[in-house]
Amino acid sequence: MLGFRIALLVATSIICLVIAEVLLRWIQYPLDERSPWAPAVATGFSYVANAHQRWTTGEYDIVFETNSVGFRDDEIGKKEGFRIVLLGDSFASGYGVQREEQFADVLEAKLQVDIVNTATGGWDLEHQYHFFKSRGKQLDPDLVLYAMYLGNDIVKNGSRPQDDHGIKPGPRRTDQPGRTSRLFLLYQQASRALKYRQTSFRREWIPWPPYLAMCEIDLRPQATRDYETTRAYLELLHDEVKKSGSELLVAYFSYRTVVERAARERFLSLRPGWDLKYDLDKPVRIVEEQLKELGIRYVDLNPRLEAADAESPLPPLYFFHDGHWTPRSHEIVAATLHDVLKPMID
């Protein structure tokens, strides 16, 4: 009798799970509120064209829209005057801020030039190279501005089969559920939400392990290879930009932990001896050295952000949980880049 009851319970549970899976598929879960990506040949993924979504968290409520070619920008018209093509990831794409608040739009208004914002969330250095080689140079830029986030642009490269340069382009990613169980996706979402709540009162911002490995005073082999791959991709991107008759300017910036004094102090206080193991400014120095060696013009965005934080931590420079720039940071970045670009354009 006990065996029958157990079997009945198991069978009932399976039937309920199957019904739940069918229902989730029927309502087309997950909803397309935070999945703006589509497959792309050269880069593995890009923003879907003509997206119109509302992104809502506890920290912001924004409208996310893309144009007919998948950029978070206006439709690209005929080139008239000076044109800048902006490369970047979610920071340059303006996660958490409205279109008119992102630094690309603010800078465009300040400079009175055409800035085509091709930045795509999730893209790393390898994606920037493959995008520009396949599509970016067709935009006929006078200047290519790469907003390079040292937090992950330099640690996630080289994960696909090698291309004709011996460099591995970025991973294919669609962010579509495909054949994955919708129940599993629901479990993942619930787990992330729970983790979000559990960390809501944490006051430290800990960089993810691959980035910390790049900050170790004594680099391990993987971090050394990551730096070598970074240099190789910067050289390839530089070469492609020069072939297009344009010039490359790299504007790089670091993790929040590097910029915010209080965040750095909290990080270093987490465990005794971390200040002897990690040098959070190391990626800045190494990448700057690589840019100098390659003859690439660059600007370090960290000093202006650090100065703003030292002047006043409020309003914050970063969304606390999300980690992306707030409108205040976008204004600071736009002002910094204006000072650098204005003489180049004039």
Protein backbone atom coordinates (compact mmCIF):
# COMPACT_ATOMS: atom_id res chain seq x y z
CA MET A 1 0.00 0.00 0.00
CA LEU A 2 2.84 2.38 0.87
CA GLY A 3 4.53 1.60 -2.44
CA PHE A 4 1.33 2.39 -4.32
CA ARG A 5 1.00 5.74 -2.55
CA ILE A 6 4.59 6.67 -3.35
CA ALA A 7 4.11 5.68 -6.98
CA LEU A 8 0.90 7.70 -7.14
CA LEU A 9 2.65 10.71 -5.61
CA VAL A 10 5.52 10.47 -8.09
CA ALA A 11 3.13 10.07 -11.03
CA THR A 12 1.02 13.01 -9.88
CA SER A 13 4.13 15.18 -9.46
CA ILE A 14 5.34 14.31 -12.94
CA ILE A 15 1.94 15.09 -14.45
CA CYS A 16 1.86 18.45 -12.64
CA LEU A 17 5.36 19.30 -13.88
CA VAL A 18 4.43 18.38 -17.45
CA ILE A 19 1.27 20.52 -17.24
CA ALA A 20 3.27 23.43 -15.83
CA GLU A 21 5.85 23.10 -18.63
CA VAL A 22 3.11 23.08 -21.27
CA LEU A 23 1.43 26.13 -19.74
CA LEU A 24 4.71 28.07 -19.59
CA ARG A 25 5.36 27.31 -23.25
CA TRP A 26 1.80 28.23 -24.16
CA ILE A 27 2.15 31.70 -22.59
CA GLN A 28 5.55 31.97 -24.31
CA TYR A 29 7.53 32.25 -21.09
CA PRO A 30 9.99 33.83 -20.61
CA LEU A 31 8.41 37.08 -21.72
CA ASP A 32 10.53 39.27 -23.96
CA GLU A 33 10.96 42.07 -21.41
CA ARG A 34 14.70 41.65 -20.84
CA SER A 35 15.74 39.52 -23.81
CA PRO A 36 16.59 42.00 -26.57
CA TRP A 37 19.14 39.79 -28.32
CA ALA A 38 19.03 37.91 -31.60
CA PRO A 39 21.55 35.63 -33.37
CA ALA A 40 24.15 37.38 -35.53
CA VAL A 41 26.67 35.86 -37.90
CA ALA A 42 29.83 37.83 -37.15
CA THR A 43 29.40 38.40 -33.42
CA GLY A 44 27.21 35.47 -32.37
CA PHE A 45 24.49 37.80 -31.09
CA SER A 46 23.33 41.40 -31.32
CA TYR A 47 20.29 43.44 -30.38
CA VAL A 48 17.11 42.52 -32.15
CA ALA A 49 15.89 45.11 -34.62
CA ASN A 50 12.94 47.38 -33.81
CA ALA A 51 12.78 46.38 -30.15
CA HIS A 52 10.37 48.25 -27.91
CA GLN A 53 10.58 47.06 -24.34
CA ARG A 54 10.13 48.39 -20.85
CA TRP A 55 12.87 47.53 -18.40
CA THR A 56 11.81 47.84 -14.79
CA THR A 57 13.81 47.07 -11.64
CA GLY A 58 13.77 48.44 -8.14
CA GLU A 59 16.27 51.05 -9.31
CA TYR A 60 15.02 52.24 -12.68
CA ASP A 61 12.13 52.14 -15.11
CA ILE A 62 13.17 52.81 -18.70
CA VAL A 63 12.07 52.27 -22.28
CA PHE A 64 14.52 50.25 -24.36
CA GLU A 65 14.18 50.69 -28.12
CA THR A 66 16.37 49.79 -31.08
CA ASN A 67 16.30 50.96 -34.67
CA SER A 68 15.84 48.86 -37.80
CA VAL A 69 19.43 47.53 -37.65
CA GLY A 70 19.46 46.74 -33.94
CA PHE A 71 21.20 49.79 -32.45
CA ARG A 72 19.91 51.74 -29.48
CA ASP A 73 19.94 54.85 -31.59
CA ASP A 74 17.95 56.75 -34.18
CA GLU A 75 17.72 55.45 -37.72
CA ILE A 76 21.02 55.93 -39.55
CA GLY A 77 20.67 58.57 -42.22
CA LYS A 78 22.93 59.69 -44.99
CA LYS A 79 26.29 60.84 -43.70
CA GLU A 80 26.49 64.60 -43.44
CA GLY A 81 29.49 66.06 -41.68
CA PHE A 82 31.68 64.43 -39.04
CA ARG A 83 30.58 60.95 -37.94
CA ILE A 84 31.67 59.01 -34.86
CA VAL A 85 30.93 55.30 -34.53
CA LEU A 86 30.69 54.27 -30.89
CA LEU A 87 31.66 50.73 -29.90
CA GLY A 88 30.94 49.36 -26.46
CA ASP A 89 28.88 47.13 -24.21
CA SER A 90 25.99 47.65 -21.78
CA PHE A 91 27.57 50.76 -20.24
CA ALA A 92 27.77 52.57 -23.58
CA SER A 93 24.37 51.14 -24.46
CA GLY A 94 22.98 52.93 -21.42
CA TYR A 95 21.51 50.18 -19.29
CA GLY A 96 19.33 51.82 -16.64
CA VAL A 97 19.03 55.25 -18.27
CA GLN A 98 16.72 56.73 -20.86
CA ARG A 99 17.99 57.38 -24.38
CA GLU A 100 18.46 61.09 -23.85
CA GLU A 101 20.48 60.42 -20.68
CA GLN A 102 23.10 58.09 -22.14
CA PHE A 103 26.47 59.69 -22.75
CA ALA A 104 26.36 59.06 -26.51
CA ASP A 105 23.30 61.29 -26.91
CA VAL A 106 24.57 63.89 -24.45
CA LEU A 107 27.92 64.01 -26.24
CA GLU A 108 26.28 64.19 -29.65
CA ALA A 109 24.35 67.28 -28.57
CA LYS A 110 27.48 68.89 -27.09
CA LEU A 111 29.66 68.27 -30.15
CA GLN A 112 26.96 68.77 -32.78
CA VAL A 113 28.20 65.76 -34.76
CA ASP A 114 26.66 62.45 -35.77
CA ILE A 115 27.34 59.66 -33.26
CA VAL A 116 26.17 56.20 -34.28
CA ASN A 117 25.85 54.17 -31.10
CA THR A 118 26.45 50.50 -31.98
CA ALA A 119 27.15 49.45 -28.37
CA THR A 120 25.55 46.13 -27.43
CA GLY A 121 25.14 44.64 -23.98
CA GLY A 122 27.25 41.53 -23.54
CA TRP A 123 29.81 42.36 -26.21
CA ASP A 124 33.49 42.09 -25.29
CA LEU A 125 36.61 43.25 -27.10
CA GLU A 126 36.47 40.38 -29.59
CA HIS A 127 32.90 41.30 -30.53
CA GLN A 128 33.94 44.90 -31.20
CA TYR A 129 36.60 43.75 -33.65
CA HIS A 130 34.37 41.31 -35.50
CA PHE A 131 31.50 43.79 -35.61
CA PHE A 132 33.61 46.61 -36.99
CA LYS A 133 35.28 44.34 -39.52
CA SER A 134 31.94 43.04 -40.83
CA ARG A 135 29.56 45.98 -40.37
CA GLY A 136 31.03 48.95 -38.55
CA LYS A 137 33.33 50.21 -41.27
CA GLN A 138 30.39 50.34 -43.67
CA LEU A 139 29.11 53.26 -41.58
CA ASP A 140 31.99 55.34 -42.96
CA PRO A 141 33.19 56.82 -39.65
CA ASP A 142 35.61 59.69 -39.32
CA LEU A 143 36.41 58.51 -35.80
CA VAL A 144 35.82 55.23 -33.97
CA LEU A 145 35.30 55.60 -30.23
CA TYR A 146 35.54 52.40 -28.20
CA ALA A 147 34.19 52.64 -24.64
CA MET A 148 36.21 49.80 -23.14
CA TYR A 149 34.98 48.36 -19.84
CA LEU A 150 37.93 46.73 -18.11
CA GLY A 151 35.49 44.85 -15.87
CA ASN A 152 34.82 42.19 -18.49
CA ASP A 153 36.00 43.29 -21.94
CA ILE A 154 39.46 41.85 -21.30
CA VAL A 155 38.59 38.55 -19.62
CA LYS A 156 35.96 36.81 -21.76
CA ASN A 157 37.61 36.71 -25.16
CA GLY A 158 38.58 33.72 -27.27
CA SER A 159 35.74 31.24 -26.79
CA ARG A 160 34.89 30.24 -30.36
CA PRO A 161 36.87 28.38 -33.05
CA GLN A 162 39.79 30.38 -34.38
CA ASP A 163 39.27 32.72 -37.30
CA ASP A 164 41.75 33.53 -40.07
CA HIS A 165 43.85 35.63 -37.70
CA GLY A 166 44.25 32.85 -35.17
CA ILE A 167 42.00 34.77 -32.76
CA LYS A 168 38.80 33.30 -31.43
CA PRO A 169 35.70 35.45 -31.97
CA GLY A 170 32.97 35.75 -29.38
CA PRO A 171 30.56 33.06 -28.22
CA ARG A 172 27.31 32.50 -30.03
CA ARG A 173 24.52 33.62 -27.81
CA THR A 174 20.85 34.11 -28.57
CA ASP A 175 19.27 34.48 -25.12
CA GLN A 176 16.34 32.58 -26.55
CA PRO A 177 14.96 29.62 -24.58
CA GLY A 178 15.17 27.14 -27.49
CA ARG A 179 14.68 23.62 -26.18
CA THR A 180 15.53 24.54 -22.59
CA SER A 181 12.89 23.61 -20.05
CA ARG A 182 10.72 26.61 -19.16
CA LEU A 183 10.49 25.27 -15.62
CA PHE A 184 14.28 25.40 -15.40
CA LEU A 185 14.26 28.98 -16.70
CA LEU A 186 11.62 29.85 -14.11
CA TYR A 187 13.82 28.28 -11.42
CA GLN A 188 16.80 30.34 -12.61
CA GLN A 189 14.80 33.55 -12.51
CA ALA A 190 13.48 32.77 -9.02
CA SER A 191 17.01 31.97 -7.83
CA ARG A 192 18.34 35.27 -9.17
CA ALA A 193 15.48 37.15 -7.51
CA LEU A 194 16.20 35.43 -4.20
CA LYS A 195 19.90 36.20 -4.45
CA TYR A 196 19.04 39.80 -5.24
CA ARG A 197 16.99 40.04 -2.04
CA GLN A 198 19.62 38.29 0.04
CA THR A 199 22.32 40.73 -1.06
CA SER A 200 20.17 43.84 -0.84
CA PHE A 201 21.94 45.03 2.30
CA ARG A 202 25.48 44.12 1.31
CA ARG A 203 27.75 47.12 1.03
CA GLU A 204 30.68 45.70 -0.85
CA TRP A 205 31.08 45.38 -4.60
CA ILE A 206 33.25 42.35 -5.33
CA PRO A 207 34.55 42.02 -8.89
CA TRP A 208 33.90 38.65 -10.46
CA PRO A 209 36.70 36.04 -10.20
CA PRO A 210 38.12 36.31 -13.77
CA TYR A 211 38.62 40.05 -13.29
CA LEU A 212 40.17 39.56 -9.86
CA ALA A 213 42.59 37.15 -11.49
CA MET A 214 43.68 40.01 -13.76
CA CYS A 215 44.35 42.08 -10.62
CA GLU A 216 46.55 39.56 -8.86
CA ILE A 217 50.00 40.87 -8.13
CA ASP A 218 51.45 37.53 -9.21
CA LEU A 219 49.56 36.73 -12.40
CA ARG A 220 48.62 33.15 -13.15
CA PRO A 221 48.93 31.71 -16.69
CA GLN A 222 45.26 32.29 -17.63
CA ALA A 223 45.40 35.97 -16.71
CA THR A 224 48.64 36.35 -18.65
CA ARG A 225 46.96 34.80 -21.70
CA ASP A 226 43.98 37.12 -21.27
CA TYR A 227 46.23 40.15 -21.38
CA GLU A 228 47.98 38.77 -24.47
CA THR A 229 44.61 38.21 -26.16
CA THR A 230 43.56 41.74 -25.24
CA ARG A 231 46.62 43.20 -26.93
CA ALA A 232 46.07 41.05 -30.01
CA TYR A 233 42.48 42.18 -30.40
CA LEU A 234 43.34 45.83 -29.83
CA GLU A 235 45.92 45.56 -32.59
CA LEU A 236 43.45 43.88 -34.95
CA LEU A 237 40.76 46.47 -34.23
CA HIS A 238 43.26 49.27 -34.72
CA ASP A 239 44.32 47.84 -38.08
CA GLU A 240 40.71 47.53 -39.29
CA VAL A 241 39.94 51.08 -38.25
CA LYS A 242 43.00 52.39 -40.09
CA LYS A 243 42.01 50.42 -43.20
CA SER A 244 38.67 52.20 -43.14
CA GLY A 245 40.48 55.54 -43.23
CA SER A 246 39.41 56.40 -39.70
CA GLU A 247 41.09 56.84 -36.33
CA LEU A 248 40.57 54.84 -33.16
CA LEU A 249 40.16 56.35 -29.71
CA VAL A 250 39.81 54.01 -26.73
CA ALA A 251 38.10 55.42 -23.64
CA TYR A 252 38.54 52.87 -20.87
CA PHE A 253 37.06 52.62 -17.41
CA SER A 254 37.16 50.21 -14.49
CA TYR A 255 35.00 48.37 -12.02
CA ARG A 256 32.95 50.37 -9.55
CA THR A 257 35.28 49.03 -6.85
CA VAL A 258 38.15 50.97 -8.39
CA VAL A 259 36.23 54.22 -8.79
CA GLU A 260 34.31 54.48 -5.53
CA ARG A 261 36.61 55.00 -2.58
CA ALA A 262 34.16 53.49 -0.09
CA ALA A 263 33.66 50.42 -2.29
CA ARG A 264 37.42 49.89 -2.57
CA GLU A 265 37.84 50.19 1.19
CA ARG A 266 35.02 47.72 1.81
CA PHE A 267 36.52 45.27 -0.66
CA LEU A 268 39.98 45.40 0.89
CA SER A 269 38.53 45.03 4.38
CA LEU A 270 36.65 41.82 3.57
CA ARG A 271 39.63 39.58 4.11
CA PRO A 272 43.00 40.32 5.70
CA GLY A 273 45.81 40.34 3.16
CA TRP A 274 43.74 41.12 0.08
CA ASP A 275 45.71 44.34 -0.34
CA LEU A 276 48.81 42.16 -0.63
CA LYS A 277 47.22 39.81 -3.17
CA TYR A 278 45.29 42.19 -5.42
CA ASP A 279 46.19 45.42 -7.18
CA LEU A 280 42.87 46.75 -8.46
CA ASP A 281 44.59 49.30 -10.68
CA LYS A 282 46.73 46.72 -12.48
CA PRO A 283 44.41 46.26 -15.51
CA VAL A 284 44.47 50.03 -16.06
CA ARG A 285 48.26 50.15 -16.14
CA ILE A 286 48.67 47.11 -18.38
CA VAL A 287 46.00 48.14 -20.90
CA GLU A 288 47.36 51.69 -21.00
CA GLU A 289 50.82 50.31 -21.69
CA GLN A 290 49.43 48.15 -24.50
CA LEU A 291 47.63 51.11 -26.06
CA LYS A 292 50.84 53.16 -25.96
CA GLU A 293 52.81 50.36 -27.58
CA LEU A 294 50.22 50.03 -30.35
CA GLY A 295 50.04 53.75 -30.99
CA ILE A 296 46.33 53.94 -30.15
CA ARG A 297 44.97 57.17 -28.75
CA TYR A 298 43.25 56.71 -25.42
CA VAL A 299 41.58 58.44 -22.52
CA ASP A 300 41.24 57.13 -18.98
CA LEU A 301 37.72 57.89 -17.73
CA ASN A 302 38.47 56.84 -14.15
CA PRO A 303 40.04 60.08 -12.81
CA ARG A 304 36.99 62.25 -13.52
CA LEU A 305 34.66 59.64 -12.06
CA GLU A 306 36.89 59.23 -9.00
CA ALA A 307 37.00 62.99 -8.53
CA ALA A 308 33.22 63.19 -8.69
CA ASP A 309 32.91 60.44 -6.09
CA ALA A 310 35.40 62.19 -3.82
CA GLU A 311 33.50 65.45 -4.18
CA SER A 312 30.20 63.83 -3.25
CA PRO A 313 28.97 60.21 -3.25
CA LEU A 314 25.44 61.49 -3.93
CA PRO A 315 23.77 61.22 -6.27
CA PRO A 316 25.46 57.85 -6.81
CA LEU A 317 27.58 57.14 -9.86
CA TYR A 318 26.30 53.56 -10.14
CA PHE A 319 23.01 51.80 -9.65
CA PHE A 320 23.59 49.97 -6.41
CA HIS A 321 22.44 46.48 -7.41
CA ASP A 322 22.62 46.73 -11.20
CA GLY A 323 26.14 48.18 -11.20
CA HIS A 324 25.77 50.27 -14.37
CA TRP A 325 26.24 54.02 -14.62
CA THR A 326 23.53 56.35 -13.39
CA PRO A 327 22.66 59.53 -15.33
CA ARG A 328 25.27 61.37 -13.25
CA SER A 329 28.08 59.16 -14.57
CA HIS A 330 26.84 59.48 -18.14
CA GLU A 331 27.02 63.28 -17.79
CA ILE A 332 30.57 63.07 -16.42
CA VAL A 333 31.70 60.71 -19.19
CA ALA A 334 30.12 62.92 -21.85
CA ALA A 335 31.90 65.99 -20.44
CA THR A 336 35.23 64.14 -20.28
CA LEU A 337 34.96 62.91 -23.86
CA HIS A 338 33.85 66.34 -25.06
CA ASP A 339 37.09 67.86 -23.77
CA VAL A 340 39.11 65.22 -25.62
CA LEU A 341 37.13 65.09 -28.87
CA LYS A 342 36.44 68.77 -29.43
CA PRO A 343 40.03 69.62 -30.43
CA MET A 344 40.22 66.50 -32.63
CA ILE A 345 37.06 67.46 -34.50
CA ASP A 346 37.94 71.14 -34.85
